[in-house]
Protein backbone atom coordinates (compact mmCIF):
# COMPACT_ATOMS: atom_id res chain seq x y z
CA MET A 1 -26.07 18.19 -51.46
CA ASN A 2 -29.29 16.33 -51.35
CA PRO A 3 -28.53 12.57 -51.65
CA GLU A 4 -31.85 12.01 -53.22
CA SER A 5 -30.88 14.07 -56.25
CA SER A 6 -27.22 12.81 -56.41
CA GLY A 7 -25.88 9.48 -57.64
CA ASN A 8 -24.67 8.84 -54.15
CA PRO A 9 -27.74 7.47 -51.82
CA TRP A 10 -26.07 8.64 -48.52
CA THR A 11 -23.57 11.52 -47.77
CA PRO A 12 -20.64 10.19 -45.80
CA LEU A 13 -19.36 12.67 -43.23
CA GLU A 14 -15.82 12.41 -44.63
CA GLU A 15 -16.74 14.45 -47.52
CA ALA A 16 -18.15 17.31 -45.36
CA ARG A 17 -16.03 17.56 -42.30
CA PRO A 18 -12.21 17.59 -41.38
CA ALA A 19 -10.84 14.31 -39.99
CA ALA A 20 -9.28 15.73 -36.71
CA HIS A 21 -9.46 13.61 -33.77
CA ALA A 22 -10.72 10.54 -35.69
CA PRO A 23 -8.89 7.08 -35.49
CA ASP A 24 -7.01 6.03 -38.46
CA MET A 25 -8.39 3.23 -40.51
CA GLY A 26 -5.53 2.57 -42.76
CA GLY A 27 -5.76 6.19 -44.09
CA LYS A 28 -9.37 6.38 -44.27
CA ARG A 29 -11.24 8.39 -41.54
CA LYS A 30 -13.30 6.73 -38.88
CA ALA A 31 -16.67 8.36 -38.01
CA THR A 32 -17.61 8.90 -34.43
CA TYR A 33 -20.60 9.46 -32.36
CA ALA A 34 -19.66 13.10 -32.05
CA ASP A 35 -19.92 13.32 -35.87
CA LEU A 36 -23.31 11.77 -35.81
CA GLU A 37 -24.45 14.30 -33.26
CA ALA A 38 -23.39 17.14 -35.57
CA VAL A 39 -25.68 15.94 -38.30
CA PRO A 40 -28.70 18.45 -38.71
CA PRO A 41 -32.09 17.14 -37.03
CA HIS A 42 -33.87 17.11 -40.36
CA ARG A 43 -31.58 14.17 -41.52
CA VAL A 44 -31.24 10.63 -40.22
CA ALA A 45 -27.82 9.59 -39.17
CA GLU A 46 -26.37 6.17 -38.58
CA LEU A 47 -22.87 4.59 -37.99
CA VAL A 48 -22.12 1.22 -39.61
CA ASP A 49 -18.65 -0.15 -39.74
CA GLY A 50 -16.96 3.19 -38.97
CA GLU A 51 -18.99 4.97 -41.79
CA LEU A 52 -21.49 7.65 -41.14
CA TYR A 53 -24.58 7.45 -43.36
CA VAL A 54 -26.82 10.42 -43.59
CA SER A 55 -30.28 9.99 -45.18
CA PRO A 56 -32.95 12.34 -45.99
CA ARG A 57 -36.20 12.24 -43.78
CA PRO A 58 -38.58 9.85 -45.48
CA ALA A 59 -41.05 10.72 -48.11
CA SER A 60 -44.80 10.50 -47.46
CA PRO A 61 -45.44 6.81 -48.56
CA HIS A 62 -42.67 5.67 -46.15
CA ALA A 63 -43.99 7.84 -43.25
CA ARG A 64 -47.45 6.64 -43.98
CA ALA A 65 -46.46 3.02 -43.96
CA ALA A 66 -44.38 3.23 -40.80
CA GLY A 67 -47.10 5.01 -38.93
CA ALA A 68 -49.80 2.66 -39.97
CA LEU A 69 -47.93 -0.31 -39.05
CA HIS A 70 -47.18 1.08 -35.53
CA GLY A 71 -50.85 1.79 -35.11
CA GLU A 72 -51.87 -1.78 -36.12
CA LEU A 73 -49.25 -3.40 -33.63
CA HIS A 74 -49.21 -1.10 -30.62
CA GLY A 75 -52.65 -1.69 -29.20
CA PRO A 76 -52.76 -5.57 -29.28
CA PHE A 77 -49.00 -6.12 -28.56
CA ASP A 78 -47.65 -3.12 -26.56
CA ARG A 79 -50.83 -2.21 -24.65
CA GLY A 80 -52.46 -5.43 -24.66
CA ARG A 81 -55.65 -4.37 -25.95
CA GLY A 82 -57.37 -6.77 -28.15
CA GLY A 83 -54.26 -8.95 -28.18
CA PRO A 84 -51.67 -10.67 -25.91
CA GLY A 85 -49.50 -7.80 -24.98
CA GLY A 86 -45.97 -8.59 -23.93
CA TRP A 87 -43.98 -6.20 -26.13
CA LEU A 88 -42.31 -2.81 -26.05
CA LEU A 89 -42.63 -1.12 -29.37
CA LEU A 90 -40.90 2.13 -30.32
CA PHE A 91 -40.84 4.26 -33.30
CA GLU A 92 -37.35 5.11 -34.74
CA PRO A 93 -35.34 4.08 -31.60
CA GLU A 94 -31.48 4.74 -31.44
CA LEU A 95 -29.74 1.44 -31.22
CA HIS A 96 -26.18 1.17 -29.93
CA LEU A 97 -25.03 -2.13 -31.02
CA GLY A 98 -21.23 -2.48 -30.43
CA GLU A 99 -19.67 0.33 -32.40
CA ASP A 100 -22.72 0.65 -34.69
CA VAL A 101 -25.47 3.01 -34.17
CA LEU A 102 -28.66 2.18 -36.12
CA VAL A 103 -32.13 3.85 -36.38
CA PRO A 104 -34.75 1.32 -37.58
CA ASP A 105 -38.14 2.51 -38.32
CA LEU A 106 -39.74 0.35 -35.89
CA ALA A 107 -38.32 -1.92 -33.15
CA GLY A 108 -39.77 -4.22 -30.48
CA TRP A 109 -38.68 -5.85 -27.39
CA ARG A 110 -40.40 -8.78 -25.66
CA ARG A 111 -41.20 -7.51 -22.05
CA GLU A 112 -39.48 -10.70 -20.59
CA ARG A 113 -36.16 -9.14 -21.81
CA MET A 114 -36.99 -5.42 -21.20
CA PRO A 115 -39.64 -5.42 -18.39
CA ARG A 116 -39.27 -1.48 -18.23
CA MET A 117 -38.21 0.89 -20.78
CA PRO A 118 -34.87 2.58 -19.64
CA GLN A 119 -34.48 6.37 -19.68
CA VAL A 120 -31.58 6.42 -22.26
CA VAL A 121 -30.67 8.20 -25.64
CA GLY A 122 -29.41 4.80 -27.13
CA PHE A 123 -30.54 1.35 -26.43
CA THR A 124 -27.72 -1.25 -26.10
CA LEU A 125 -29.89 -4.28 -25.66
CA ALA A 126 -30.80 -5.62 -29.18
CA PRO A 127 -34.54 -5.85 -29.91
CA ASP A 128 -36.40 -8.96 -30.64
CA TRP A 129 -37.97 -7.52 -33.84
CA VAL A 130 -37.10 -4.71 -36.28
CA CYS A 131 -38.65 -3.29 -39.19
CA GLU A 132 -37.17 -1.13 -41.99
CA VAL A 133 -39.42 0.75 -44.32
CA LEU A 134 -37.46 1.15 -47.55
CA SER A 135 -36.93 4.24 -49.61
CA PRO A 136 -35.01 4.54 -52.79
CA SER A 137 -32.06 6.33 -50.92
CA THR A 138 -31.76 3.86 -48.09
CA ALA A 139 -32.66 0.43 -49.63
CA VAL A 140 -29.11 -0.75 -49.96
CA LEU A 141 -28.11 0.35 -46.61
CA ASP A 142 -31.06 -1.49 -45.18
CA ARG A 143 -30.72 -4.66 -46.96
CA GLU A 144 -26.96 -5.11 -46.80
CA MET A 145 -25.09 -3.39 -43.91
CA LYS A 146 -27.92 -3.21 -41.43
CA MET A 147 -29.29 -6.50 -41.92
CA LYS A 148 -25.63 -8.03 -41.10
CA VAL A 149 -25.59 -5.98 -37.90
CA TYR A 150 -28.94 -7.22 -36.81
CA ALA A 151 -28.07 -10.84 -37.48
CA ARG A 152 -24.71 -10.35 -35.69
CA GLU A 153 -26.74 -8.98 -32.50
CA GLY A 154 -29.19 -11.76 -32.53
CA VAL A 155 -32.33 -9.92 -33.56
CA ARG A 156 -34.65 -12.79 -34.10
CA HIS A 157 -37.09 -11.26 -36.54
CA LEU A 158 -36.94 -8.56 -39.29
CA TRP A 159 -39.50 -7.09 -41.53
CA MET A 160 -38.93 -5.16 -44.70
CA VAL A 161 -41.64 -2.87 -45.83
CA ASP A 162 -41.54 -1.46 -49.36
CA PRO A 163 -44.44 1.02 -49.78
CA LEU A 164 -43.83 1.56 -53.57
CA PRO A 165 -44.27 -1.87 -54.77
CA GLN A 166 -46.45 -2.58 -51.68
CA VAL A 167 -44.51 -5.59 -50.46
CA LEU A 168 -43.90 -7.00 -46.94
CA GLU A 169 -40.93 -9.40 -46.59
CA VAL A 170 -40.80 -11.26 -43.20
CA TYR A 171 -37.40 -12.66 -42.16
CA GLY A 172 -36.45 -14.92 -39.46
CA LEU A 173 -32.90 -15.63 -37.93
CA ASN A 174 -31.62 -19.24 -38.58
CA SER A 175 -28.22 -19.41 -36.51
CA ASP A 176 -26.61 -16.41 -37.97
CA ARG A 177 -28.30 -16.03 -41.13
CA TRP A 178 -31.48 -14.50 -42.25
CA GLU A 179 -34.14 -16.84 -43.69
CA LEU A 180 -37.00 -15.32 -45.70
CA ARG A 181 -40.06 -16.73 -44.20
CA GLY A 182 -42.69 -15.11 -46.49
CA THR A 183 -43.35 -12.38 -49.04
CA HIS A 184 -46.82 -10.62 -49.02
CA THR A 185 -48.01 -8.11 -51.40
CA GLY A 186 -50.74 -5.57 -52.21
CA GLN A 187 -54.08 -6.13 -50.10
CA ALA A 188 -53.09 -9.33 -48.71
CA ARG A 189 -54.14 -10.22 -45.05
CA VAL A 190 -51.35 -12.10 -43.30
CA HIS A 191 -50.25 -13.58 -39.90
CA ALA A 192 -46.63 -12.58 -39.73
CA GLU A 193 -44.07 -13.73 -37.05
CA PRO A 194 -43.66 -12.69 -34.48
CA PHE A 195 -47.12 -11.18 -34.38
CA THR A 196 -49.00 -14.11 -35.69
CA SER A 197 -51.95 -13.56 -33.42
CA LEU A 198 -52.87 -10.37 -35.51
CA LEU A 199 -54.49 -10.68 -38.90
CA LEU A 200 -52.64 -7.73 -40.56
CA GLU A 201 -54.36 -6.15 -43.51
CA LEU A 202 -51.41 -4.82 -45.73
CA GLY A 203 -53.76 -2.49 -47.51
CA VAL A 204 -53.76 -0.28 -44.35
CA LEU A 205 -49.99 0.45 -44.86
CA TRP A 206 -50.51 1.85 -48.45
CA GLU A 207 -53.70 3.82 -47.88
CA ARG A 208 -53.57 7.38 -49.11
């Protein structure tokens, strides 16, 4: 069943596989990493609070926004070309944060915290910045469950990019709560933390 065409935006694995060898959660099956590995590669699988969420691969506006944003940030902040450098930026890294396994669209670590990228499947060191590009099928997961995990793990900066209404929301962590630092739309040109040295032209993210 395609979650885009059903009333359910994700497909929990409990509906598709038997619960053998899974820990008991008051009668409810708890998904495991083995369940995540069994998901077909054309889907995006994440574990949050013992639930497996399987999302469709993103549509073209989502893919365009994520790719364009990575392109804008990579040179000045990862490579240090025309900018300060000092970051490791990755596209769709798998994050192993406690028992949760998340796959943000983009994530970045300051080099002072991760001087060299480890050769691993999943990163256990929480990023300094994450970006979620919203799709109709994943917006609730991104805004509710995943934001809570990022706050719990001390991620300092979070961006939400919504390509359909053409919006960038910039959040900063204040103690253990997210604080909205700015909302930018359309063709705005912005200095958004933590990449304030770059004048980001949002129109690049929506170009067709």
